[in-house]
């Protein structure tokens, strides 16, 4: 099994844990650390909206809180609770979090609608002028 397929399966499983009672849009993410460990995340909504957290950031924060600081790739899947998956690119805030911990020239973002239906992008393609450490 390819790593892309494995990450897609993990992201689809993470999506099942999403807490999205307001939008009904469930997102799952599977983040691959340089260590080889996979960290799963799902979106977690809140009635006040601002305290909500995206699946991608949930995975990153989980990984960082466990000591992982370098990452290879992330798979993201999303769609309505009872609907089909669709390509679900990360929001701008999630892209910025990725830029904090990942090399934009090498970090792969896998957007999928299923374990065999996905597209791969480099972070630099999704965040061409990101604000990073080198900017400061």
Protein backbone atom coordinates (compact mmCIF):
# COMPACT_ATOMS: atom_id res chain seq x y z
CA UNK A 1 0.00 0.00 0.00
CA UNK A 2 1.36 3.45 -0.90
CA UNK A 3 1.79 6.06 1.81
CA UNK A 4 -0.74 8.27 0.01
CA UNK A 5 -3.38 5.55 0.17
CA UNK A 6 -2.59 4.82 3.82
CA UNK A 7 -2.89 8.51 4.70
CA UNK A 8 -6.17 8.80 2.79
CA UNK A 9 -7.62 5.85 4.73
CA UNK A 10 -6.44 7.37 8.03
CA UNK A 11 -7.94 10.75 7.08
CA UNK A 12 -11.27 9.12 6.19
CA UNK A 13 -11.26 7.34 9.56
CA UNK A 14 -10.44 10.59 11.36
CA UNK A 15 -13.35 12.27 9.56
CA UNK A 16 -15.75 9.89 11.31
CA UNK A 17 -14.81 11.55 14.62
CA UNK A 18 -15.64 15.08 13.44
CA UNK A 19 -17.89 17.19 15.61
CA UNK A 20 -19.75 19.36 13.09
CA UNK A 21 -23.32 19.87 14.36
CA UNK A 22 -23.64 23.34 12.80
CA UNK A 23 -22.19 23.06 9.30
CA UNK A 24 -22.65 19.32 8.84
CA UNK A 25 -19.34 19.44 6.92
CA UNK A 26 -16.97 16.82 8.32
CA UNK A 27 -13.23 16.96 7.69
CA UNK A 28 -10.51 14.46 8.57
CA UNK A 29 -6.75 14.81 8.33
CA UNK A 30 -3.82 12.42 8.66
CA UNK A 31 -0.41 14.03 9.23
CA UNK A 32 2.79 12.06 8.62
CA UNK A 33 5.68 13.03 10.86
CA UNK A 34 9.32 12.58 9.86
CA UNK A 35 9.39 9.88 12.55
CA UNK A 36 6.90 7.86 10.49
CA UNK A 37 4.11 8.29 13.03
CA UNK A 38 0.67 9.33 11.74
CA UNK A 39 -1.38 11.88 13.68
CA UNK A 40 -5.09 12.06 12.96
CA UNK A 41 -7.30 15.10 13.38
CA UNK A 42 -10.91 16.08 12.74
CA UNK A 43 -12.77 19.37 12.69
CA UNK A 44 -14.35 20.40 15.98
CA UNK A 45 -17.05 23.07 15.79
CA UNK A 46 -18.39 25.38 18.46
CA UNK A 47 -21.64 27.36 18.51
CA UNK A 48 -19.59 30.58 18.79
CA UNK A 49 -17.62 29.56 15.62
CA UNK A 50 -14.33 31.29 16.60
CA UNK A 51 -13.39 28.55 19.09
CA UNK A 52 -13.79 25.93 16.33
CA UNK A 53 -10.72 24.08 15.10
CA UNK A 54 -9.97 22.58 11.69
CA UNK A 55 -8.93 18.96 11.21
CA UNK A 56 -5.50 19.94 9.93
CA UNK A 57 -4.69 22.09 12.97
CA UNK A 58 -6.04 19.41 15.29
CA UNK A 59 -3.55 16.93 13.76
CA UNK A 60 -0.66 19.42 13.92
CA UNK A 61 -1.37 20.47 17.50
CA UNK A 62 -1.68 16.84 18.57
CA UNK A 63 1.67 16.03 16.95
CA UNK A 64 3.47 19.08 18.35
CA UNK A 65 2.06 18.42 21.82
CA UNK A 66 3.62 14.95 21.62
CA UNK A 67 7.04 16.32 20.61
CA UNK A 68 6.97 15.91 16.82
CA UNK A 69 8.28 19.00 15.02
CA UNK A 70 9.06 17.85 11.45
CA UNK A 71 6.54 16.58 8.94
CA UNK A 72 6.44 14.97 5.50
CA UNK A 73 2.85 15.22 4.32
CA UNK A 74 -0.81 15.53 5.24
CA UNK A 75 -3.92 14.00 3.68
CA UNK A 76 -7.21 15.89 3.96
CA UNK A 77 -10.74 14.69 3.13
CA UNK A 78 -14.02 16.49 3.64
CA UNK A 79 -17.64 16.68 2.70
CA UNK A 80 -21.19 16.82 4.02
CA UNK A 81 -21.93 14.29 6.77
CA UNK A 82 -24.12 12.10 4.59
CA UNK A 83 -22.71 13.16 1.22
CA UNK A 84 -19.82 12.35 -1.04
CA UNK A 85 -16.27 13.39 -0.27
CA UNK A 86 -14.87 16.27 -2.31
CA UNK A 87 -11.46 17.87 -2.62
CA UNK A 88 -11.15 20.02 0.49
CA UNK A 89 -8.16 22.38 0.51
CA UNK A 90 -6.95 23.71 3.87
CA UNK A 91 -8.02 27.18 4.98
CA UNK A 92 -5.50 30.01 5.15
CA UNK A 93 -4.96 29.64 8.90
CA UNK A 94 -4.14 25.93 8.48
CA UNK A 95 -1.75 26.73 5.62
CA UNK A 96 0.03 29.20 7.89
CA UNK A 97 0.34 26.57 10.66
CA UNK A 98 1.80 24.18 8.09
CA UNK A 99 4.32 26.85 7.09
CA UNK A 100 5.45 27.16 10.72
CA UNK A 101 6.55 23.52 10.87
CA UNK A 102 7.11 22.40 7.26
CA UNK A 103 9.46 23.11 4.39
CA UNK A 104 7.14 24.54 1.71
CA UNK A 105 9.43 23.15 -0.99
CA UNK A 106 9.00 19.56 0.26
CA UNK A 107 5.85 19.25 2.39
CA UNK A 108 3.11 17.45 0.44
CA UNK A 109 -0.59 18.24 0.86
CA UNK A 110 -2.79 15.41 -0.40
CA UNK A 111 -6.37 16.47 -1.12
CA UNK A 112 -8.68 13.53 -1.57
CA UNK A 113 -12.18 12.39 -2.34
CA UNK A 114 -11.33 8.75 -1.61
CA UNK A 115 -8.41 6.39 -1.14
CA UNK A 116 -7.83 6.23 -4.91
CA UNK A 117 -9.06 9.72 -5.83
CA UNK A 118 -6.60 12.40 -4.72
CA UNK A 119 -4.32 15.20 -5.88
CA UNK A 120 -0.92 16.09 -4.42
CA UNK A 121 0.37 19.65 -3.99
CA UNK A 122 3.47 21.12 -2.41
CA UNK A 123 2.76 23.61 0.36
CA UNK A 124 4.48 26.35 -1.66
CA UNK A 125 1.77 25.91 -4.33
CA UNK A 126 -0.99 26.46 -1.76
CA UNK A 127 0.77 29.27 0.14
CA UNK A 128 2.99 31.08 -2.38
CA UNK A 129 3.80 34.13 -0.22
CA UNK A 130 3.43 32.74 3.27
CA UNK A 131 4.70 34.59 6.32
CA UNK A 132 7.51 32.58 7.88
CA UNK A 133 10.56 32.73 10.12
CA UNK A 134 12.63 34.07 7.24
CA UNK A 135 10.26 37.05 6.96
CA UNK A 136 11.05 38.26 10.48
